[in-house]
Amino acid sequence: MTPSFSRRTALGTGLAAGAGMLTGLVPAAPAASHAAPDADLSFPSTRLAREAARLIDEAQEAYLHNHSLRSFLFAREAAARAGRRPGRDYDEEVVFLICALHDMGLTARANSDQRFELDGADFAARFLEERGVTDRRVDTVWDAIAMHTTRSFRDSPVFQRRRPPEIGIAQTGISIDLMGVNSPVPPEYADRVHRRHPRLGGARAVTDAIVAQALANPRKAPAATLPGEILHQRHPELPYLTWDMLLDSNAWGD
């Protein structure tokens, strides 16, 4: 049985100050709807969205595939709770592309010597360009995926004001699925999402994949990055390049 989202939220309230991923989202009362049951669990049906969905069906392990899809559903629901609507306030297709492709760097299709966030961002840009997309959507998707592990960027008021809204909306959904703390998404909605797309290990499975990549290729986890920090915490016995080591090697001798 899928754990109750409300129980997870209750257990995580003590961590909210350190792990809260959402700021500035004001819940709004849901509008009355006569849509078919579970219509709010649907995905965009554009050509690009369908091709991205087929890709992650083939390329991502089940736990990662479900994480990608849940991230989009949580992103759209959180945006709706804040009064933001697809087609009016943001491009739903772009948010789906970000969420679907944001962890492709953890798959064999996109794995190189870069940290997984950059591998995923580069892969997503190529995915779009190969399908004739060369406008600002490529930059929006790349930025969102490359920065999706750096919360401090999207917390900046200037970032929120000047960057495309799809970045913050998608990253919010990714954060909700990763942590579930301070989420504006109603527990009953989250439970339905989890029934449709089970967690299968959730955030720890994603973390294990990051560590596995780093152990196989240390260049995947440079110091002062999320992969580097995770690797250092999981395996403190391994060599770790500190900032002072870098300073000791600088050419100016200071």
C-alpha atoms as a PDB file:
ATOM      1  CA  MET A   1       0.000   0.000   0.000  1.00  0.00           C
ATOM      2  CA  THR A   2       1.275   3.449  -0.909  1.00  0.00           C
ATOM      3  CA  PRO A   3       2.111   5.450   2.262  1.00  0.00           C
ATOM      4  CA  SER A   4      -0.271   8.288   3.036  1.00  0.00           C
ATOM      5  CA  PHE A   5       1.095  11.601   1.877  1.00  0.00           C
ATOM      6  CA  SER A   6      -0.473  13.261   4.898  1.00  0.00           C
ATOM      7  CA  ARG A   7       1.475  10.986   7.248  1.00  0.00           C
ATOM      8  CA  ARG A   8       4.701  11.775   5.444  1.00  0.00           C
ATOM      9  CA  THR A   9       3.956  15.471   5.668  1.00  0.00           C
ATOM     10  CA  ALA A  10       3.237  15.209   9.396  1.00  0.00           C
ATOM     11  CA  LEU A  11       6.494  13.371  10.005  1.00  0.00           C
ATOM     12  CA  GLY A  12       8.399  15.947   8.005  1.00  0.00           C
ATOM     13  CA  THR A  13       7.118  19.082   9.690  1.00  0.00           C
ATOM     14  CA  GLY A  14      10.075  19.160  12.050  1.00  0.00           C
ATOM     15  CA  LEU A  15      12.342  19.402   8.992  1.00  0.00           C
ATOM     16  CA  ALA A  16      10.351  22.109   7.272  1.00  0.00           C
ATOM     17  CA  ALA A  17      12.734  24.934   8.148  1.00  0.00           C
ATOM     18  CA  GLY A  18      15.667  23.146   6.541  1.00  0.00           C
ATOM     19  CA  ALA A  19      14.000  21.140   3.818  1.00  0.00           C
ATOM     20  CA  GLY A  20      11.052  23.293   2.717  1.00  0.00           C
ATOM     21  CA  MET A  21      11.156  23.588  -1.030  1.00  0.00           C
ATOM     22  CA  LEU A  22       8.287  25.946  -1.658  1.00  0.00           C
ATOM     23  CA  THR A  23       8.051  29.656  -0.989  1.00  0.00           C
ATOM     24  CA  GLY A  24       5.529  32.182  -2.114  1.00  0.00           C
ATOM     25  CA  LEU A  25       2.877  29.699  -3.186  1.00  0.00           C
ATOM     26  CA  VAL A  26      -0.485  30.896  -1.898  1.00  0.00           C
ATOM     27  CA  PRO A  27      -3.127  28.142  -2.014  1.00  0.00           C
ATOM     28  CA  ALA A  28      -6.238  29.063  -3.912  1.00  0.00           C
ATOM     29  CA  ALA A  29      -9.615  27.416  -3.616  1.00  0.00           C
ATOM     30  CA  PRO A  30     -10.042  24.858  -6.405  1.00  0.00           C
ATOM     31  CA  ALA A  31     -12.550  25.831  -9.047  1.00  0.00           C
ATOM     32  CA  ALA A  32     -15.616  23.707  -9.546  1.00  0.00           C
ATOM     33  CA  SER A  33     -15.081  21.237 -12.350  1.00  0.00           C
ATOM     34  CA  HIS A  34     -17.184  18.809 -14.334  1.00  0.00           C
ATOM     35  CA  ALA A  35     -14.143  17.064 -15.829  1.00  0.00           C
ATOM     36  CA  ALA A  36     -13.958  13.306 -16.004  1.00  0.00           C
ATOM     37  CA  PRO A  37     -12.557  11.528 -12.930  1.00  0.00           C
ATOM     38  CA  ASP A  38      -8.760  11.655 -12.813  1.00  0.00           C
ATOM     39  CA  ALA A  39      -8.625  14.188 -15.662  1.00  0.00           C
ATOM     40  CA  ASP A  40      -6.214  16.114 -13.450  1.00  0.00           C
ATOM     41  CA  LEU A  41      -3.791  13.181 -13.721  1.00  0.00           C
ATOM     42  CA  SER A  42      -3.467  13.595 -17.481  1.00  0.00           C
ATOM     43  CA  PHE A  43      -0.427  14.791 -19.437  1.00  0.00           C
ATOM     44  CA  PRO A  44      -0.034  17.123 -22.427  1.00  0.00           C
ATOM     45  CA  SER A  45      -0.806  15.454 -25.750  1.00  0.00           C
ATOM     46  CA  THR A  46       1.352  17.566 -28.081  1.00  0.00           C
ATOM     47  CA  ARG A  47       3.799  15.840 -30.407  1.00  0.00           C
ATOM     48  CA  LEU A  48       6.823  16.867 -28.333  1.00  0.00           C
ATOM     49  CA  ALA A  49       5.190  15.756 -25.094  1.00  0.00           C
ATOM     50  CA  ARG A  50       4.237  12.375 -26.573  1.00  0.00           C
ATOM     51  CA  GLU A  51       7.766  11.837 -27.866  1.00  0.00           C
ATOM     52  CA  ALA A  52       9.247  12.767 -24.494  1.00  0.00           C
ATOM     53  CA  ALA A  53       6.839  10.392 -22.775  1.00  0.00           C
ATOM     54  CA  ARG A  54       7.856   7.551 -25.112  1.00  0.00           C
ATOM     55  CA  LEU A  55      11.504   8.332 -24.490  1.00  0.00           C
ATOM     56  CA  ILE A  56      11.290   8.111 -20.718  1.00  0.00           C
ATOM     57  CA  ASP A  57       9.165   4.958 -21.001  1.00  0.00           C
ATOM     58  CA  GLU A  58      12.128   3.377 -22.776  1.00  0.00           C
ATOM     59  CA  ALA A  59      15.108   5.038 -21.112  1.00  0.00           C
ATOM     60  CA  GLN A  60      14.253   5.518 -17.439  1.00  0.00           C
ATOM     61  CA  GLU A  61      14.031   2.902 -14.720  1.00  0.00           C
ATOM     62  CA  ALA A  62      10.543   2.604 -13.251  1.00  0.00           C
ATOM     63  CA  TYR A  63      11.353   4.570 -10.066  1.00  0.00           C
ATOM     64  CA  LEU A  64      12.861   7.403 -12.135  1.00  0.00           C
ATOM     65  CA  HIS A  65      10.084   7.340 -14.727  1.00  0.00           C
ATOM     66  CA  ASN A  66       7.441   7.672 -12.008  1.00  0.00           C
ATOM     67  CA  HIS A  67       9.383  10.466 -10.312  1.00  0.00           C
ATOM     68  CA  SER A  68       9.465  12.396 -13.603  1.00  0.00           C
ATOM     69  CA  LEU A  69       5.721  12.050 -14.179  1.00  0.00           C
ATOM     70  CA  ARG A  70       4.766  12.808 -10.571  1.00  0.00           C
ATOM     71  CA  SER A  71       6.931  15.927 -10.685  1.00  0.00           C
ATOM     72  CA  PHE A  72       4.845  17.299 -13.549  1.00  0.00           C
ATOM     73  CA  LEU A  73       1.530  16.473 -11.878  1.00  0.00           C
ATOM     74  CA  PHE A  74       2.638  18.120  -8.636  1.00  0.00           C
ATOM     75  CA  ALA A  75       3.990  21.121 -10.565  1.00  0.00           C
ATOM     76  CA  ARG A  76       0.697  21.707 -12.352  1.00  0.00           C
ATOM     77  CA  GLU A  77      -1.374  21.210  -9.195  1.00  0.00           C
ATOM     78  CA  ALA A  78       0.827  23.526  -7.114  1.00  0.00           C
ATOM     79  CA  ALA A  79       0.630  26.151  -9.862  1.00  0.00           C
ATOM     80  CA  ALA A  80      -3.167  25.856  -9.919  1.00  0.00           C
ATOM     81  CA  ARG A  81      -3.291  26.285  -6.151  1.00  0.00           C
ATOM     82  CA  ALA A  82      -1.339  29.507  -6.617  1.00  0.00           C
ATOM     83  CA  GLY A  83      -3.848  30.705  -9.229  1.00  0.00           C
ATOM     84  CA  ARG A  84      -1.650  30.006 -12.249  1.00  0.00           C
ATOM     85  CA  ARG A  85      -3.253  28.329 -15.248  1.00  0.00           C
ATOM     86  CA  PRO A  86      -1.671  26.602 -18.269  1.00  0.00           C
ATOM     87  CA  GLY A  87      -2.095  28.524 -21.487  1.00  0.00           C
ATOM     88  CA  ARG A  88      -2.644  31.751 -19.585  1.00  0.00           C
ATOM     89  CA  ASP A  89       0.264  31.956 -17.141  1.00  0.00           C
ATOM     90  CA  TYR A  90       2.677  29.329 -18.449  1.00  0.00           C
ATOM     91  CA  ASP A  91       3.326  26.824 -21.225  1.00  0.00           C
ATOM     92  CA  GLU A  92       2.217  23.399 -19.969  1.00  0.00           C
ATOM     93  CA  GLU A  93       4.196  21.553 -22.645  1.00  0.00           C
ATOM     94  CA  VAL A  94       7.459  23.200 -21.550  1.00  0.00           C
ATOM     95  CA  VAL A  95       6.821  22.333 -17.901  1.00  0.00           C
ATOM     96  CA  PHE A  96       6.175  18.723 -18.918  1.00  0.00           C
ATOM     97  CA  LEU A  97       9.383  18.591 -20.974  1.00  0.00           C
ATOM     98  CA  ILE A  98      11.411  19.899 -18.030  1.00  0.00           C
ATOM     99  CA  CYS A  99       9.911  17.432 -15.580  1.00  0.00           C
ATOM    100  CA  ALA A 100      10.027  14.450 -17.924  1.00  0.00           C
ATOM    101  CA  LEU A 101      13.649  15.011 -18.957  1.00  0.00           C
ATOM    102  CA  HIS A 102      15.174  16.555 -15.831  1.00  0.00           C
ATOM    103  CA  ASP A 103      16.845  13.323 -14.645  1.00  0.00           C
ATOM    104  CA  MET A 104      17.852  11.893 -18.007  1.00  0.00           C
ATOM    105  CA  GLY A 105      21.425  12.447 -16.872  1.00  0.00           C
ATOM    106  CA  LEU A 106      20.944   9.456 -14.570  1.00  0.00           C
ATOM    107  CA  THR A 107      20.257   7.175 -17.543  1.00  0.00           C
ATOM    108  CA  ALA A 108      22.618   5.422 -19.938  1.00  0.00           C
ATOM    109  CA  ARG A 109      21.227   7.555 -22.795  1.00  0.00           C
ATOM    110  CA  ALA A 110      22.715  10.777 -21.447  1.00  0.00           C
ATOM    111  CA  ASN A 111      25.538   9.746 -19.108  1.00  0.00           C
ATOM    112  CA  SER A 112      28.908  11.410 -19.795  1.00  0.00           C
ATOM    113  CA  ASP A 113      31.665  12.908 -17.647  1.00  0.00           C
ATOM    114  CA  GLN A 114      29.543  15.832 -16.437  1.00  0.00           C
ATOM    115  CA  ARG A 115      27.431  15.970 -13.285  1.00  0.00           C
ATOM    116  CA  PHE A 116      24.033  14.479 -13.981  1.00  0.00           C
ATOM    117  CA  GLU A 117      22.168  17.804 -14.003  1.00  0.00           C
ATOM    118  CA  LEU A 118      24.282  19.098 -16.914  1.00  0.00           C
ATOM    119  CA  ASP A 119      24.111  15.793 -18.769  1.00  0.00           C
ATOM    120  CA  GLY A 120      20.332  15.942 -18.488  1.00  0.00           C
ATOM    121  CA  ALA A 121      20.182  19.573 -19.592  1.00  0.00           C
ATOM    122  CA  ASP A 122      22.392  18.961 -22.617  1.00  0.00           C
ATOM    123  CA  PHE A 123      20.404  15.872 -23.571  1.00  0.00           C
ATOM    124  CA  ALA A 124      17.116  17.772 -23.321  1.00  0.00           C
ATOM    125  CA  ALA A 125      18.450  20.595 -25.515  1.00  0.00           C
ATOM    126  CA  ARG A 126      19.544  18.099 -28.170  1.00  0.00           C
ATOM    127  CA  PHE A 127      16.175  16.338 -27.924  1.00  0.00           C
ATOM    128  CA  LEU A 128      14.417  19.609 -28.763  1.00  0.00           C
ATOM    129  CA  GLU A 129      16.852  20.781 -31.430  1.00  0.00           C
ATOM    130  CA  GLU A 130      16.683  17.446 -33.251  1.00  0.00           C
ATOM    131  CA  ARG A 131      12.916  17.985 -33.480  1.00  0.00           C
ATOM    132  CA  GLY A 132      13.192  21.461 -34.936  1.00  0.00           C
ATOM    133  CA  VAL A 133      12.834  23.484 -31.743  1.00  0.00           C
ATOM    134  CA  THR A 134      15.455  26.260 -31.711  1.00  0.00           C
ATOM    135  CA  ASP A 135      13.675  29.133 -29.951  1.00  0.00           C
ATOM    136  CA  ARG A 136      13.861  30.252 -26.316  1.00  0.00           C
ATOM    137  CA  ARG A 137      12.142  27.055 -25.175  1.00  0.00           C
ATOM    138  CA  VAL A 138      15.496  25.286 -25.528  1.00  0.00           C
ATOM    139  CA  ASP A 139      17.133  27.778 -23.154  1.00  0.00           C
ATOM    140  CA  THR A 140      14.236  27.554 -20.690  1.00  0.00           C
ATOM    141  CA  VAL A 141      14.390  23.759 -20.568  1.00  0.00           C
ATOM    142  CA  TRP A 142      18.201  23.752 -20.325  1.00  0.00           C
ATOM    143  CA  ASP A 143      18.275  26.316 -17.513  1.00  0.00           C
ATOM    144  CA  ALA A 144      15.561  24.562 -15.531  1.00  0.00           C
ATOM    145  CA  ILE A 145      17.233  21.157 -15.697  1.00  0.00           C
ATOM    146  CA  ALA A 146      20.804  22.370 -15.161  1.00  0.00           C
ATOM    147  CA  MET A 147      19.754  24.330 -12.057  1.00  0.00           C
ATOM    148  CA  HIS A 148      17.106  22.009 -10.634  1.00  0.00           C
ATOM    149  CA  THR A 149      19.267  20.994  -7.653  1.00  0.00           C
ATOM    150  CA  THR A 150      20.122  24.608  -6.730  1.00  0.00           C
ATOM    151  CA  ARG A 151      17.169  25.946  -4.779  1.00  0.00           C
ATOM    152  CA  SER A 152      18.804  29.275  -3.987  1.00  0.00           C
ATOM    153  CA  PHE A 153      18.469  30.364  -7.625  1.00  0.00           C
ATOM    154  CA  ARG A 154      14.720  29.982  -7.817  1.00  0.00           C
ATOM    155  CA  ASP A 155      14.255  31.543  -4.375  1.00  0.00           C
ATOM    156  CA  SER A 156      15.738  34.808  -5.652  1.00  0.00           C
ATOM    157  CA  PRO A 157      13.007  37.437  -6.270  1.00  0.00           C
ATOM    158  CA  VAL A 158      14.906  38.716  -9.305  1.00  0.00           C
ATOM    159  CA  PHE A 159      15.191  35.177 -10.695  1.00  0.00           C
ATOM    160  CA  GLN A 160      11.461  34.669 -10.207  1.00  0.00           C
ATOM    161  CA  ARG A 161      10.694  37.988 -11.893  1.00  0.00           C
ATOM    162  CA  ARG A 162      13.059  37.751 -14.860  1.00  0.00           C
ATOM    163  CA  ARG A 163      13.207  34.062 -15.739  1.00  0.00           C
ATOM    164  CA  PRO A 164      10.397  32.223 -17.569  1.00  0.00           C
ATOM    165  CA  PRO A 165       7.701  30.976 -15.159  1.00  0.00           C
ATOM    166  CA  GLU A 166       8.011  27.415 -16.437  1.00  0.00           C
ATOM    167  CA  ILE A 167      11.356  27.070 -14.647  1.00  0.00           C
ATOM    168  CA  GLY A 168      10.026  27.795 -11.171  1.00  0.00           C
ATOM    169  CA  ILE A 169       6.807  25.843 -11.735  1.00  0.00           C
ATOM    170  CA  ALA A 170       8.654  22.718 -12.894  1.00  0.00           C
ATOM    171  CA  GLN A 171      11.299  22.945 -10.173  1.00  0.00           C
ATOM    172  CA  THR A 172       8.562  23.307  -7.569  1.00  0.00           C
ATOM    173  CA  GLY A 173       6.976  20.069  -8.754  1.00  0.00           C
ATOM    174  CA  ILE A 174      10.324  18.279  -8.694  1.00  0.00           C
ATOM    175  CA  SER A 175      10.929  19.513  -5.149  1.00  0.00           C
ATOM    176  CA  ILE A 176       7.481  18.436  -3.970  1.00  0.00           C
ATOM    177  CA  ASP A 177       8.079  14.934  -5.258  1.00  0.00           C
ATOM    178  CA  LEU A 178      11.537  14.783  -3.743  1.00  0.00           C
ATOM    179  CA  MET A 179      10.683  16.040  -0.237  1.00  0.00           C
ATOM    180  CA  GLY A 180       6.943  16.603   0.177  1.00  0.00           C
ATOM    181  CA  VAL A 181       7.524  19.225   2.884  1.00  0.00           C
ATOM    182  CA  ASN A 182       5.455  22.443   2.968  1.00  0.00           C
ATOM    183  CA  SER A 183       3.566  21.235  -0.080  1.00  0.00           C
ATOM    184  CA  PRO A 184       0.447  23.128  -1.213  1.00  0.00           C
ATOM    185  CA  VAL A 185      -0.761  19.945  -2.930  1.00  0.00           C
ATOM    186  CA  PRO A 186      -3.736  18.430  -1.053  1.00  0.00           C
ATOM    187  CA  PRO A 187      -2.971  15.038   0.553  1.00  0.00           C
ATOM    188  CA  GLU A 188      -5.867  13.377  -1.259  1.00  0.00           C
ATOM    189  CA  TYR A 189      -4.495  14.505  -4.623  1.00  0.00           C
ATOM    190  CA  ALA A 190      -1.009  13.307  -3.721  1.00  0.00           C
ATOM    191  CA  ASP A 191      -2.436   9.939  -2.707  1.00  0.00           C
ATOM    192  CA  ARG A 192      -4.112   9.576  -6.102  1.00  0.00           C
ATOM    193  CA  VAL A 193      -0.871  10.496  -7.864  1.00  0.00           C
ATOM    194  CA  HIS A 194       1.016   7.899  -5.817  1.00  0.00           C
ATOM    195  CA  ARG A 195      -1.535   5.220  -6.567  1.00  0.00           C
ATOM    196  CA  ARG A 196      -1.174   5.921 -10.290  1.00  0.00           C
ATOM    197  CA  HIS A 197       2.633   6.349 -10.218  1.00  0.00           C
ATOM    198  CA  PRO A 198       4.078   4.534  -7.136  1.00  0.00           C
ATOM    199  CA  ARG A 199       7.220   5.877  -5.519  1.00  0.00           C
ATOM    200  CA  LEU A 200       9.244   2.619  -5.809  1.00  0.00           C
ATOM    201  CA  GLY A 201      11.942   3.904  -3.490  1.00  0.00           C
ATOM    202  CA  GLY A 202      11.403   7.575  -4.224  1.00  0.00           C
ATOM    203  CA  ALA A 203      14.096  10.059  -3.313  1.00  0.00           C
ATOM    204  CA  ARG A 204      16.466   7.424  -1.919  1.00  0.00           C
ATOM    205  CA  ALA A 205      16.386   5.494  -5.193  1.00  0.00           C
ATOM    206  CA  VAL A 206      17.327   8.678  -7.064  1.00  0.00           C
ATOM    207  CA  THR A 207      20.123   9.326  -4.549  1.00  0.00           C
ATOM    208  CA  ASP A 208      21.436   5.789  -4.968  1.00  0.00           C
ATOM    209  CA  ALA A 209      21.622   6.346  -8.723  1.00  0.00           C
ATOM    210  CA  ILE A 210      23.629   9.549  -8.222  1.00  0.00           C
ATOM    211  CA  VAL A 211      26.063   7.716  -5.949  1.00  0.00           C
ATOM    212  CA  ALA A 212      26.393   4.768  -8.340  1.00  0.00           C
ATOM    213  CA  GLN A 213      27.341   7.120 -11.164  1.00  0.00           C
ATOM    214  CA  ALA A 214      29.875   8.922  -8.990  1.00  0.00           C
ATOM    215  CA  LEU A 215      31.500   5.702  -7.813  1.00  0.00           C
ATOM    216  CA  ALA A 216      31.843   4.552 -11.413  1.00  0.00           C
ATOM    217  CA  ASN A 217      33.202   7.915 -12.578  1.00  0.00           C
ATOM    218  CA  PRO A 218      34.492  10.432  -9.991  1.00  0.00           C
ATOM    219  CA  ARG A 219      34.256  13.205 -12.586  1.00  0.00           C
ATOM    220  CA  LYS A 220      30.481  12.966 -12.162  1.00  0.00           C
ATOM    221  CA  ALA A 221      30.759  14.311  -8.611  1.00  0.00           C
ATOM    222  CA  PRO A 222      33.054  17.350  -8.420  1.00  0.00           C
ATOM    223  CA  ALA A 223      33.519  19.055  -5.082  1.00  0.00           C
ATOM    224  CA  ALA A 224      30.960  21.716  -4.050  1.00  0.00           C
ATOM    225  CA  THR A 225      28.174  20.164  -6.124  1.00  0.00           C
ATOM    226  CA  LEU A 226      25.193  18.116  -4.999  1.00  0.00           C
ATOM    227  CA  PRO A 227      26.601  14.857  -6.425  1.00  0.00           C
ATOM    228  CA  GLY A 228      29.980  15.609  -4.853  1.00  0.00           C
ATOM    229  CA  GLU A 229      28.474  16.308  -1.448  1.00  0.00           C
ATOM    230  CA  ILE A 230      26.273  13.205  -1.551  1.00  0.00           C
ATOM    231  CA  LEU A 231      29.254  11.051  -2.496  1.00  0.00           C
ATOM    232  CA  HIS A 232      31.357  12.557   0.309  1.00  0.00           C
ATOM    233  CA  GLN A 233      28.621  11.951   2.888  1.00  0.00           C
ATOM    234  CA  ARG A 234      27.966   8.386   1.750  1.00  0.00           C
ATOM    235  CA  HIS A 235      31.657   7.522   1.314  1.00  0.00           C
ATOM    236  CA  PRO A 236      33.806   9.770   3.542  1.00  0.00           C
ATOM    237  CA  GLU A 237      36.706   7.360   3.099  1.00  0.00           C
ATOM    238  CA  LEU A 238      37.152   8.412  -0.543  1.00  0.00           C
ATOM    239  CA  PRO A 239      39.483  11.282  -1.538  1.00  0.00           C
ATOM    240  CA  TYR A 240      37.680  14.606  -1.424  1.00  0.00           C
ATOM    241  CA  LEU A 241      38.984  17.812  -2.977  1.00  0.00           C
ATOM    242  CA  THR A 242      38.458  20.645  -0.499  1.00  0.00           C
ATOM    243  CA  TRP A 243      38.453  24.367  -1.194  1.00  0.00           C
ATOM    244  CA  ASP A 244      41.706  24.823   0.707  1.00  0.00           C
ATOM    245  CA  MET A 245      43.314  22.214  -1.541  1.00  0.00           C
ATOM    246  CA  LEU A 246      42.272  24.277  -4.536  1.00  0.00           C
ATOM    247  CA  LEU A 247      43.644  27.440  -2.952  1.00  0.00           C
ATOM    248  CA  ASP A 248      46.931  25.709  -2.186  1.00  0.00           C
ATOM    249  CA  SER A 249      47.315  24.962  -5.888  1.00  0.00           C
ATOM    250  CA  ASN A 250      46.514  28.445  -7.202  1.00  0.00           C
ATOM    251  CA  ALA A 251      49.121  30.079  -9.409  1.00  0.00           C
ATOM    252  CA  TRP A 252      49.369  33.295  -7.365  1.00  0.00           C
ATOM    253  CA  GLY A 253      50.514  31.709  -4.118  1.00  0.00           C
ATOM    254  CA  ASP A 254      47.936  33.373  -1.879  1.00  0.00           C
END
